[in-house]
Amino acid sequence: MNTVYNEIKEFLKDPIKNREAFFNNSSITWIDWREYDEDIIGYFNGLLAHEDIIELETKEIDLGRGIDLILKKDNKVLTIPYEDDETDRDITIKTLDEFISPKYQIRLFSESLGDDTLAFTVLNSNEWKELENEFGKEKLEFFFTPVSQFKGIFNMSMEEVMKIYTEREVLRDKIFKNN
């Protein structure tokens, strides 16, 4: 198993005790709302196996956003589907998640939700399944939520964040009561 898998597994064994240490380890990549979208691809490439690294082509265009970002791997090519006027971190991350699927899956480390810098990680889909089998889907997704479940993660209003936070508090009590 890879290092990221082992670090996530160790965190899930005792999330309260391991929370602070996990925030500071190499299993997650921190993405700020100001990051360049092309850099985001590089951050996730740093979590993928060498043979699975995604090639990124940046192409200048005449639209307001100024660039197209094109993902390439083997015979697969995909232009990230941005709006005409700007790139968007949410679209970048979700498109990359779809591009590396089904082999890998990107998840938000949900403990970072509400900050202006969010923590993400990526694992082989089989490893996510093993963690789900060991710790339960509810607990795993409480801490590591598939990015496909969010809309506008970098543009959430405080009201949306507070709603999720309140729901998480109720769920946190339920999860830890069962452990």
N, C-alpha and C. Protein backbone atom coordinates (compact mmCIF):
# COMPACT_ATOMS: atom_id res chain seq x y z
N MET A 1 0.84 -1.18 0.00
CA MET A 1 0.00 0.00 0.00
C MET A 1 0.88 1.24 0.00
N ASN A 2 0.35 2.32 -0.52
CA ASN A 2 1.16 3.52 -0.60
C ASN A 2 1.09 4.34 0.69
N THR A 3 1.98 5.32 0.78
CA THR A 3 2.10 6.15 1.97
C THR A 3 0.82 6.91 2.27
N VAL A 4 0.20 7.48 1.24
CA VAL A 4 -1.04 8.24 1.44
C VAL A 4 -2.10 7.35 2.07
N TYR A 5 -2.26 6.16 1.52
CA TYR A 5 -3.22 5.20 2.07
C TYR A 5 -2.94 4.94 3.54
N ASN A 6 -1.69 4.66 3.87
CA ASN A 6 -1.33 4.34 5.25
C ASN A 6 -1.57 5.53 6.18
N GLU A 7 -1.29 6.74 5.72
CA GLU A 7 -1.51 7.92 6.55
C GLU A 7 -3.00 8.16 6.78
N ILE A 8 -3.81 7.96 5.75
CA ILE A 8 -5.27 8.12 5.90
C ILE A 8 -5.81 7.05 6.85
N LYS A 9 -5.35 5.83 6.67
CA LYS A 9 -5.79 4.73 7.53
C LYS A 9 -5.43 5.03 8.99
N GLU A 10 -4.23 5.49 9.23
CA GLU A 10 -3.80 5.81 10.59
C GLU A 10 -4.65 6.94 11.18
N PHE A 11 -4.96 7.94 10.37
CA PHE A 11 -5.83 9.03 10.82
C PHE A 11 -7.20 8.49 11.23
N LEU A 12 -7.79 7.64 10.39
CA LEU A 12 -9.14 7.13 10.63
C LEU A 12 -9.23 6.24 11.87
N LYS A 13 -8.12 5.66 12.29
CA LYS A 13 -8.12 4.83 13.50
C LYS A 13 -8.49 5.65 14.73
N ASP A 14 -8.04 6.90 14.77
CA ASP A 14 -8.35 7.78 15.90
C ASP A 14 -8.31 9.23 15.42
N PRO A 15 -9.37 9.67 14.73
CA PRO A 15 -9.38 11.01 14.13
C PRO A 15 -9.18 12.15 15.14
N ILE A 16 -9.68 12.00 16.34
CA ILE A 16 -9.53 13.08 17.32
C ILE A 16 -8.06 13.23 17.69
N LYS A 17 -7.43 12.14 18.02
CA LYS A 17 -6.01 12.17 18.41
C LYS A 17 -5.11 12.56 17.22
N ASN A 18 -5.44 12.09 16.03
CA ASN A 18 -4.56 12.26 14.87
C ASN A 18 -4.87 13.47 14.01
N ARG A 19 -5.90 14.23 14.36
CA ARG A 19 -6.35 15.35 13.53
C ARG A 19 -5.25 16.36 13.24
N GLU A 20 -4.61 16.87 14.27
CA GLU A 20 -3.60 17.92 14.11
C GLU A 20 -2.43 17.43 13.25
N ALA A 21 -1.95 16.24 13.53
CA ALA A 21 -0.83 15.70 12.76
C ALA A 21 -1.22 15.50 11.30
N PHE A 22 -2.46 15.07 11.06
CA PHE A 22 -2.88 14.82 9.69
C PHE A 22 -2.94 16.11 8.88
N PHE A 23 -3.32 17.21 9.52
CA PHE A 23 -3.36 18.50 8.83
C PHE A 23 -1.98 18.89 8.29
N ASN A 24 -0.93 18.34 8.88
CA ASN A 24 0.43 18.75 8.52
C ASN A 24 1.22 17.69 7.76
N ASN A 25 0.55 16.68 7.21
CA ASN A 25 1.34 15.66 6.53
C ASN A 25 1.22 15.76 5.01
N SER A 26 1.96 14.91 4.34
CA SER A 26 2.06 14.97 2.88
C SER A 26 0.94 14.24 2.15
N SER A 27 -0.04 13.71 2.87
CA SER A 27 -1.14 12.98 2.24
C SER A 27 -2.17 13.89 1.62
N ILE A 28 -2.13 15.14 2.00
CA ILE A 28 -3.11 16.09 1.49
C ILE A 28 -2.39 17.22 0.76
N THR A 29 -3.11 17.80 -0.16
CA THR A 29 -2.61 18.98 -0.86
C THR A 29 -3.56 20.12 -0.55
N TRP A 30 -3.00 21.23 -0.18
CA TRP A 30 -3.79 22.41 0.19
C TRP A 30 -3.97 23.28 -1.03
N ILE A 31 -5.21 23.67 -1.30
CA ILE A 31 -5.50 24.51 -2.46
C ILE A 31 -6.24 25.75 -1.98
N ASP A 32 -5.63 26.87 -2.28
CA ASP A 32 -6.16 28.17 -1.92
C ASP A 32 -7.06 28.66 -3.04
N TRP A 33 -8.01 29.50 -2.72
CA TRP A 33 -8.93 30.02 -3.74
C TRP A 33 -8.21 30.85 -4.79
N ARG A 34 -6.95 31.24 -4.53
CA ARG A 34 -6.19 32.05 -5.50
C ARG A 34 -5.25 31.23 -6.37
N GLU A 35 -5.20 29.93 -6.18
CA GLU A 35 -4.26 29.08 -6.93
C GLU A 35 -4.53 29.16 -8.44
N TYR A 36 -3.47 29.06 -9.20
CA TYR A 36 -3.62 28.93 -10.64
C TYR A 36 -4.08 27.51 -10.94
N ASP A 37 -5.02 27.40 -11.85
CA ASP A 37 -5.60 26.09 -12.15
C ASP A 37 -4.55 25.11 -12.66
N GLU A 38 -3.60 25.59 -13.44
CA GLU A 38 -2.57 24.69 -13.94
C GLU A 38 -1.69 24.16 -12.80
N ASP A 39 -1.50 24.94 -11.74
CA ASP A 39 -0.74 24.47 -10.59
C ASP A 39 -1.49 23.37 -9.84
N ILE A 40 -2.82 23.47 -9.80
CA ILE A 40 -3.64 22.48 -9.11
C ILE A 40 -3.40 21.09 -9.70
N ILE A 41 -3.30 21.02 -11.02
CA ILE A 41 -3.02 19.72 -11.68
C ILE A 41 -1.69 19.18 -11.18
N GLY A 42 -0.70 20.04 -11.06
CA GLY A 42 0.61 19.62 -10.57
C GLY A 42 0.56 19.11 -9.13
N TYR A 43 -0.24 19.76 -8.29
CA TYR A 43 -0.36 19.32 -6.90
C TYR A 43 -0.91 17.89 -6.84
N PHE A 44 -1.95 17.63 -7.63
CA PHE A 44 -2.53 16.28 -7.62
C PHE A 44 -1.60 15.27 -8.27
N ASN A 45 -0.86 15.69 -9.28
CA ASN A 45 0.13 14.79 -9.88
C ASN A 45 1.13 14.32 -8.82
N GLY A 46 1.41 15.18 -7.85
CA GLY A 46 2.33 14.82 -6.77
C GLY A 46 1.81 13.73 -5.87
N LEU A 47 0.50 13.45 -5.93
CA LEU A 47 -0.10 12.38 -5.12
C LEU A 47 -0.37 11.11 -5.92
N LEU A 48 -0.17 11.18 -7.24
CA LEU A 48 -0.41 10.01 -8.09
C LEU A 48 0.86 9.19 -8.25
N ALA A 49 0.69 7.92 -8.55
CA ALA A 49 1.84 7.07 -8.90
C ALA A 49 2.50 7.64 -10.14
N HIS A 50 3.81 7.50 -10.23
CA HIS A 50 4.56 8.09 -11.34
C HIS A 50 3.98 7.74 -12.71
N GLU A 51 3.58 6.48 -12.87
CA GLU A 51 3.07 6.04 -14.18
C GLU A 51 1.68 6.61 -14.49
N ASP A 52 1.04 7.24 -13.53
CA ASP A 52 -0.31 7.78 -13.73
C ASP A 52 -0.36 9.31 -13.80
N ILE A 53 0.80 9.94 -13.80
CA ILE A 53 0.86 11.40 -13.85
C ILE A 53 0.20 11.90 -15.13
N ILE A 54 -0.59 12.96 -14.97
CA ILE A 54 -1.34 13.56 -16.07
C ILE A 54 -0.49 14.63 -16.74
N GLU A 55 -0.41 14.58 -18.04
CA GLU A 55 0.27 15.63 -18.79
C GLU A 55 -0.70 16.79 -18.95
N LEU A 56 -0.20 18.00 -18.79
CA LEU A 56 -1.03 19.18 -18.93
C LEU A 56 -0.50 20.06 -20.05
N GLU A 57 -1.38 20.40 -20.98
CA GLU A 57 -1.03 21.34 -22.03
C GLU A 57 -1.81 22.63 -21.77
N THR A 58 -1.10 23.75 -21.78
CA THR A 58 -1.73 25.05 -21.63
C THR A 58 -1.71 25.73 -23.00
N LYS A 59 -2.87 26.13 -23.45
CA LYS A 59 -3.00 26.71 -24.79
C LYS A 59 -3.63 28.10 -24.66
N GLU A 60 -2.96 29.10 -25.19
CA GLU A 60 -3.51 30.46 -25.16
C GLU A 60 -4.68 30.55 -26.14
N ILE A 61 -5.75 31.24 -25.68
CA ILE A 61 -6.94 31.40 -26.52
C ILE A 61 -7.42 32.84 -26.44
N ASP A 62 -8.36 33.20 -27.29
CA ASP A 62 -8.85 34.58 -27.37
C ASP A 62 -10.07 34.86 -26.50
N LEU A 63 -10.44 33.96 -25.62
CA LEU A 63 -11.56 34.20 -24.72
C LEU A 63 -11.07 34.93 -23.46
N GLY A 64 -12.00 35.41 -22.67
CA GLY A 64 -11.67 36.17 -21.47
C GLY A 64 -10.75 35.45 -20.49
N ARG A 65 -10.83 34.15 -20.41
CA ARG A 65 -9.98 33.42 -19.47
C ARG A 65 -8.55 33.32 -19.97
N GLY A 66 -8.34 33.49 -21.27
CA GLY A 66 -6.99 33.53 -21.83
C GLY A 66 -6.32 32.21 -22.11
N ILE A 67 -6.80 31.13 -21.49
CA ILE A 67 -6.16 29.82 -21.69
C ILE A 67 -7.18 28.70 -21.72
N ASP A 68 -6.77 27.63 -22.36
CA ASP A 68 -7.43 26.33 -22.24
C ASP A 68 -6.44 25.43 -21.54
N LEU A 69 -6.92 24.59 -20.66
CA LEU A 69 -6.08 23.57 -20.03
C LEU A 69 -6.54 22.23 -20.57
N ILE A 70 -5.58 21.47 -21.09
CA ILE A 70 -5.88 20.21 -21.73
C ILE A 70 -5.15 19.09 -20.98
N LEU A 71 -5.93 18.13 -20.50
CA LEU A 71 -5.39 16.98 -19.78
C LEU A 71 -5.12 15.86 -20.76
N LYS A 72 -3.96 15.19 -20.59
CA LYS A 72 -3.59 14.09 -21.49
C LYS A 72 -2.98 12.95 -20.68
N LYS A 73 -3.40 11.76 -21.03
CA LYS A 73 -2.83 10.55 -20.44
C LYS A 73 -3.09 9.41 -21.40
N ASP A 74 -2.04 8.75 -21.86
CA ASP A 74 -2.15 7.69 -22.84
C ASP A 74 -2.89 8.23 -24.07
N ASN A 75 -4.00 7.63 -24.44
CA ASN A 75 -4.76 8.10 -25.61
C ASN A 75 -5.93 8.98 -25.23
N LYS A 76 -6.03 9.33 -23.98
CA LYS A 76 -7.15 10.12 -23.47
C LYS A 76 -6.76 11.60 -23.44
N VAL A 77 -7.62 12.45 -24.01
CA VAL A 77 -7.38 13.90 -24.05
C VAL A 77 -8.68 14.60 -23.67
N LEU A 78 -8.59 15.59 -22.79
CA LEU A 78 -9.79 16.31 -22.36
C LEU A 78 -9.45 17.77 -22.08
N THR A 79 -10.19 18.67 -22.71
CA THR A 79 -10.07 20.09 -22.41
C THR A 79 -11.01 20.40 -21.25
N ILE A 80 -10.49 21.04 -20.21
CA ILE A 80 -11.31 21.37 -19.05
C ILE A 80 -12.39 22.36 -19.49
N PRO A 81 -13.67 22.06 -19.22
CA PRO A 81 -14.80 22.84 -19.74
C PRO A 81 -15.14 24.09 -18.90
N TYR A 82 -14.30 25.12 -19.02
CA TYR A 82 -14.54 26.36 -18.29
C TYR A 82 -15.56 27.23 -19.01
N GLU A 83 -16.11 28.20 -18.25
CA GLU A 83 -16.90 29.26 -18.86
C GLU A 83 -15.96 30.11 -19.71
N ASP A 84 -16.51 30.93 -20.59
CA ASP A 84 -15.67 31.74 -21.49
C ASP A 84 -14.78 32.74 -20.77
N ASP A 85 -15.26 33.31 -19.67
CA ASP A 85 -14.56 34.43 -19.07
C ASP A 85 -13.54 34.10 -17.99
N GLU A 86 -13.57 32.90 -17.40
CA GLU A 86 -12.61 32.59 -16.35
C GLU A 86 -12.45 31.10 -16.12
N THR A 87 -11.28 30.77 -15.56
CA THR A 87 -11.07 29.40 -15.10
C THR A 87 -11.71 29.29 -13.72
N ASP A 88 -11.82 28.08 -13.21
CA ASP A 88 -12.52 27.87 -11.95
C ASP A 88 -11.95 26.64 -11.26
N ARG A 89 -11.50 26.80 -10.03
CA ARG A 89 -10.87 25.70 -9.30
C ARG A 89 -11.79 24.51 -9.13
N ASP A 90 -13.08 24.78 -8.87
CA ASP A 90 -14.04 23.69 -8.72
C ASP A 90 -14.11 22.85 -9.99
N ILE A 91 -14.20 23.51 -11.12
CA ILE A 91 -14.28 22.80 -12.41
C ILE A 91 -12.98 22.05 -12.67
N THR A 92 -11.85 22.67 -12.34
CA THR A 92 -10.55 22.01 -12.53
C THR A 92 -10.49 20.71 -11.74
N ILE A 93 -10.82 20.78 -10.46
CA ILE A 93 -10.71 19.60 -9.58
C ILE A 93 -11.71 18.53 -9.98
N LYS A 94 -12.95 18.91 -10.24
CA LYS A 94 -13.96 17.91 -10.62
C LYS A 94 -13.64 17.27 -11.97
N THR A 95 -13.13 18.07 -12.91
CA THR A 95 -12.77 17.51 -14.22
C THR A 95 -11.59 16.56 -14.09
N LEU A 96 -10.60 16.95 -13.29
CA LEU A 96 -9.47 16.06 -13.06
C LEU A 96 -9.94 14.77 -12.39
N ASP A 97 -10.85 14.88 -11.43
CA ASP A 97 -11.40 13.70 -10.76
C ASP A 97 -12.05 12.76 -11.78
N GLU A 98 -12.84 13.32 -12.68
CA GLU A 98 -13.48 12.50 -13.73
C GLU A 98 -12.44 11.90 -14.67
N PHE A 99 -11.38 12.66 -14.96
CA PHE A 99 -10.35 12.22 -15.89
C PHE A 99 -9.56 11.02 -15.34
N ILE A 100 -9.28 11.03 -14.05
CA ILE A 100 -8.47 9.95 -13.45
C ILE A 100 -9.33 8.78 -12.98
N SER A 101 -10.65 8.96 -13.03
CA SER A 101 -11.59 7.91 -12.67
C SER A 101 -11.64 6.89 -13.80
N PRO A 102 -11.87 5.65 -13.54
CA PRO A 102 -12.25 5.02 -12.28
C PRO A 102 -11.06 4.56 -11.44
N LYS A 103 -9.83 4.72 -11.94
CA LYS A 103 -8.68 4.22 -11.19
C LYS A 103 -8.46 4.97 -9.88
N TYR A 104 -8.66 6.28 -9.90
CA TYR A 104 -8.44 7.12 -8.73
C TYR A 104 -9.68 7.93 -8.41
N GLN A 105 -9.68 8.49 -7.19
CA GLN A 105 -10.75 9.39 -6.79
C GLN A 105 -10.17 10.48 -5.90
N ILE A 106 -10.56 11.73 -6.19
CA ILE A 106 -10.16 12.87 -5.38
C ILE A 106 -11.24 13.11 -4.33
N ARG A 107 -10.79 13.36 -3.11
CA ARG A 107 -11.73 13.65 -2.03
C ARG A 107 -11.25 14.88 -1.24
N LEU A 108 -12.24 15.60 -0.72
CA LEU A 108 -11.98 16.73 0.15
C LEU A 108 -11.78 16.21 1.56
N PHE A 109 -10.72 16.65 2.23
CA PHE A 109 -10.57 16.38 3.65
C PHE A 109 -11.51 17.38 4.32
N SER A 110 -12.68 16.91 4.68
CA SER A 110 -13.81 17.76 5.07
C SER A 110 -13.56 18.58 6.32
N GLU A 111 -12.58 18.22 7.11
CA GLU A 111 -12.24 19.01 8.29
C GLU A 111 -11.73 20.40 7.89
N SER A 112 -11.33 20.58 6.64
CA SER A 112 -10.84 21.88 6.18
C SER A 112 -11.95 22.77 5.64
N LEU A 113 -13.15 22.23 5.50
CA LEU A 113 -14.28 22.98 4.95
C LEU A 113 -14.56 24.22 5.80
N GLY A 114 -14.75 25.33 5.13
CA GLY A 114 -15.00 26.59 5.82
C GLY A 114 -13.79 27.50 5.83
N ASP A 115 -12.63 26.96 5.53
CA ASP A 115 -11.42 27.77 5.41
C ASP A 115 -11.31 28.29 3.98
N ASP A 116 -10.43 29.27 3.76
CA ASP A 116 -10.23 29.75 2.40
C ASP A 116 -9.20 28.89 1.66
N THR A 117 -8.56 27.99 2.39
CA THR A 117 -7.66 27.01 1.79
C THR A 117 -8.21 25.64 2.17
N LEU A 118 -8.45 24.82 1.15
CA LEU A 118 -9.07 23.51 1.38
C LEU A 118 -8.06 22.40 1.15
N ALA A 119 -8.23 21.30 1.88
CA ALA A 119 -7.33 20.16 1.79
C ALA A 119 -7.99 19.04 0.99
N PHE A 120 -7.23 18.49 0.06
CA PHE A 120 -7.71 17.40 -0.78
C PHE A 120 -6.69 16.28 -0.76
N THR A 121 -7.16 15.09 -1.10
CA THR A 121 -6.27 13.97 -1.28
C THR A 121 -6.80 13.09 -2.40
N VAL A 122 -5.94 12.24 -2.90
CA VAL A 122 -6.32 11.32 -3.97
C VAL A 122 -5.76 9.95 -3.65
N LEU A 123 -6.59 8.95 -3.89
CA LEU A 123 -6.18 7.56 -3.68
C LEU A 123 -6.73 6.71 -4.80
N ASN A 124 -6.12 5.58 -4.97
CA ASN A 124 -6.64 4.57 -5.87
C ASN A 124 -8.05 4.19 -5.37
N SER A 125 -8.98 4.02 -6.28
CA SER A 125 -10.37 3.70 -5.92
C SER A 125 -10.47 2.42 -5.10
N ASN A 126 -9.62 1.45 -5.38
CA ASN A 126 -9.63 0.21 -4.59
C ASN A 126 -9.21 0.47 -3.14
N GLU A 127 -8.28 1.39 -2.95
CA GLU A 127 -7.85 1.73 -1.60
C GLU A 127 -8.96 2.47 -0.84
N TRP A 128 -9.69 3.36 -1.54
CA TRP A 128 -10.84 4.00 -0.89
C TRP A 128 -11.85 2.93 -0.46
N LYS A 129 -12.05 1.94 -1.31
CA LYS A 129 -13.01 0.86 -1.00
C LYS A 129 -12.54 0.06 0.23
N GLU A 130 -11.24 -0.22 0.30
CA GLU A 130 -10.70 -0.93 1.46
C GLU A 130 -10.92 -0.13 2.75
N LEU A 131 -10.69 1.17 2.69
CA LEU A 131 -10.91 2.02 3.86
C LEU A 131 -12.38 2.05 4.23
N GLU A 132 -13.25 2.09 3.22
CA GLU A 132 -14.70 2.05 3.47
C GLU A 132 -15.10 0.75 4.15
N ASN A 133 -14.53 -0.36 3.69
CA ASN A 133 -14.84 -1.66 4.28
C ASN A 133 -14.37 -1.74 5.74
N GLU A 134 -13.22 -1.15 6.01
CA GLU A 134 -12.67 -1.22 7.37
C GLU A 134 -13.34 -0.24 8.34
N PHE A 135 -13.61 0.99 7.89
CA PHE A 135 -14.10 2.03 8.80
C PHE A 135 -15.56 2.41 8.58
N GLY A 136 -16.15 1.92 7.51
CA GLY A 136 -17.54 2.25 7.21
C GLY A 136 -17.64 3.46 6.29
N LYS A 137 -18.61 3.41 5.40
CA LYS A 137 -18.80 4.49 4.43
C LYS A 137 -19.10 5.81 5.12
N GLU A 138 -19.94 5.78 6.14
CA GLU A 138 -20.34 7.01 6.81
C GLU A 138 -19.14 7.73 7.43
N LYS A 139 -18.30 7.00 8.13
CA LYS A 139 -17.13 7.61 8.75
C LYS A 139 -16.13 8.08 7.70
N LEU A 140 -15.87 7.26 6.71
CA LEU A 140 -14.92 7.63 5.66
C LEU A 140 -15.36 8.90 4.95
N GLU A 141 -16.64 8.94 4.53
CA GLU A 141 -17.11 10.11 3.79
C GLU A 141 -17.32 11.32 4.68
N PHE A 142 -17.44 11.12 5.97
CA PHE A 142 -17.51 12.24 6.90
C PHE A 142 -16.19 13.02 6.85
N PHE A 143 -15.08 12.30 6.80
CA PHE A 143 -13.77 12.94 6.79
C PHE A 143 -13.23 13.17 5.38
N PHE A 144 -13.54 12.29 4.45
CA PHE A 144 -13.02 12.37 3.09
C PHE A 144 -14.18 12.27 2.11
N THR A 145 -14.72 13.42 1.75
CA THR A 145 -15.92 13.50 0.93
C THR A 145 -15.55 13.56 -0.55
N PRO A 146 -16.14 12.69 -1.38
CA PRO A 146 -15.87 12.77 -2.82
C PRO A 146 -16.20 14.17 -3.34
N VAL A 147 -15.30 14.72 -4.16
CA VAL A 147 -15.51 16.09 -4.66
C VAL A 147 -16.75 16.18 -5.52
N SER A 148 -17.20 15.07 -6.07
CA SER A 148 -18.40 15.07 -6.90
C SER A 148 -19.65 15.45 -6.10
N GLN A 149 -19.58 15.40 -4.77
CA GLN A 149 -20.74 15.71 -3.94
C GLN A 149 -20.90 17.21 -3.67
N PHE A 150 -19.94 18.01 -4.08
CA PHE A 150 -19.99 19.44 -3.82
C PHE A 150 -20.25 20.23 -5.09
N LYS A 151 -20.87 21.38 -4.91
CA LYS A 151 -21.05 22.32 -6.01
C LYS A 151 -20.50 23.66 -5.54
N GLY A 152 -19.56 24.20 -6.27
CA GLY A 152 -19.01 25.50 -5.91
C GLY A 152 -18.28 25.52 -4.58
N ILE A 153 -17.44 24.54 -4.36
CA ILE A 153 -16.79 24.38 -3.06
C ILE A 153 -15.94 25.60 -2.67
N PHE A 154 -15.36 26.29 -3.64
CA PHE A 154 -14.55 27.47 -3.34
C PHE A 154 -15.39 28.75 -3.30
N ASN A 155 -16.65 28.64 -3.67
CA ASN A 155 -17.51 29.83 -3.73
C ASN A 155 -18.73 29.70 -2.83
N MET A 156 -18.66 28.85 -1.82
CA MET A 156 -19.80 28.67 -0.91
C MET A 156 -20.00 29.93 -0.08
N SER A 157 -21.26 30.26 0.15
CA SER A 157 -21.57 31.36 1.05
C SER A 157 -21.35 30.90 2.48
N MET A 158 -21.24 31.84 3.40
CA MET A 158 -21.10 31.47 4.81
C MET A 158 -22.33 30.70 5.28
N GLU A 159 -23.49 31.03 4.73
CA GLU A 159 -24.72 30.32 5.08
C GLU A 159 -24.62 28.85 4.69
N GLU A 160 -24.11 28.57 3.49
CA GLU A 160 -23.96 27.18 3.04
C GLU A 160 -22.96 26.44 3.91
N VAL A 161 -21.83 27.09 4.22
CA VAL A 161 -20.80 26.47 5.04
C VAL A 161 -21.35 26.18 6.44
N MET A 162 -22.09 27.12 7.01
CA MET A 162 -22.65 26.92 8.35
C MET A 162 -23.67 25.78 8.36
N LYS A 163 -24.45 25.66 7.29
CA LYS A 163 -25.42 24.57 7.19
C LYS A 163 -24.69 23.23 7.19
N ILE A 164 -23.64 23.12 6.37
CA ILE A 164 -22.85 21.88 6.31
C ILE A 164 -22.18 21.63 7.66
N TYR A 165 -21.64 22.66 8.26
CA TYR A 165 -20.97 22.52 9.56
C TYR A 165 -21.95 21.99 10.62
N THR A 166 -23.16 22.54 10.65
CA THR A 166 -24.18 22.10 11.60
C THR A 166 -24.55 20.63 11.36
N GLU A 167 -24.74 20.27 10.09
CA GLU A 167 -25.04 18.87 9.74
C GLU A 167 -23.89 17.95 10.16
N ARG A 168 -22.67 18.42 9.98
CA ARG A 168 -21.49 17.63 10.34
C ARG A 168 -21.41 17.42 11.86
N GLU A 169 -21.79 18.41 12.64
CA GLU A 169 -21.75 18.27 14.10
C GLU A 169 -22.69 17.17 14.56
N VAL A 170 -23.89 17.11 13.99
CA VAL A 170 -24.85 16.07 14.34
C VAL A 170 -24.29 14.70 13.93
N LEU A 171 -23.75 14.63 12.73
CA LEU A 171 -23.19 13.38 12.23
C LEU A 171 -21.95 12.97 13.03
N ARG A 172 -21.12 13.95 13.42
CA ARG A 172 -19.92 13.66 14.22
C ARG A 172 -20.31 12.96 15.52
N ASP A 173 -21.33 13.47 16.18
CA ASP A 173 -21.78 12.84 17.43
C ASP A 173 -22.22 11.40 17.18
N LYS A 174 -22.93 11.18 16.10
CA LYS A 174 -23.41 9.84 15.75
C LYS A 174 -22.24 8.90 15.46
N ILE A 175 -21.28 9.37 14.68
CA ILE A 175 -20.13 8.53 14.31
C ILE A 175 -19.31 8.15 15.53
N PHE A 176 -19.03 9.14 16.39
CA PHE A 176 -18.18 8.85 17.53
C PHE A 176 -18.90 8.12 18.65
N LYS A 177 -20.20 8.19 18.66
CA LYS A 177 -20.98 7.43 19.64
C LYS A 177 -20.91 5.94 19.30
N ASN A 178 -20.81 5.63 17.99
CA ASN A 178 -20.76 4.23 17.55
C ASN A 178 -19.37 3.62 17.62
N ASN A 179 -18.36 4.43 17.91
CA ASN A 179 -16.99 3.91 17.95
C ASN A 179 -16.51 3.63 19.35
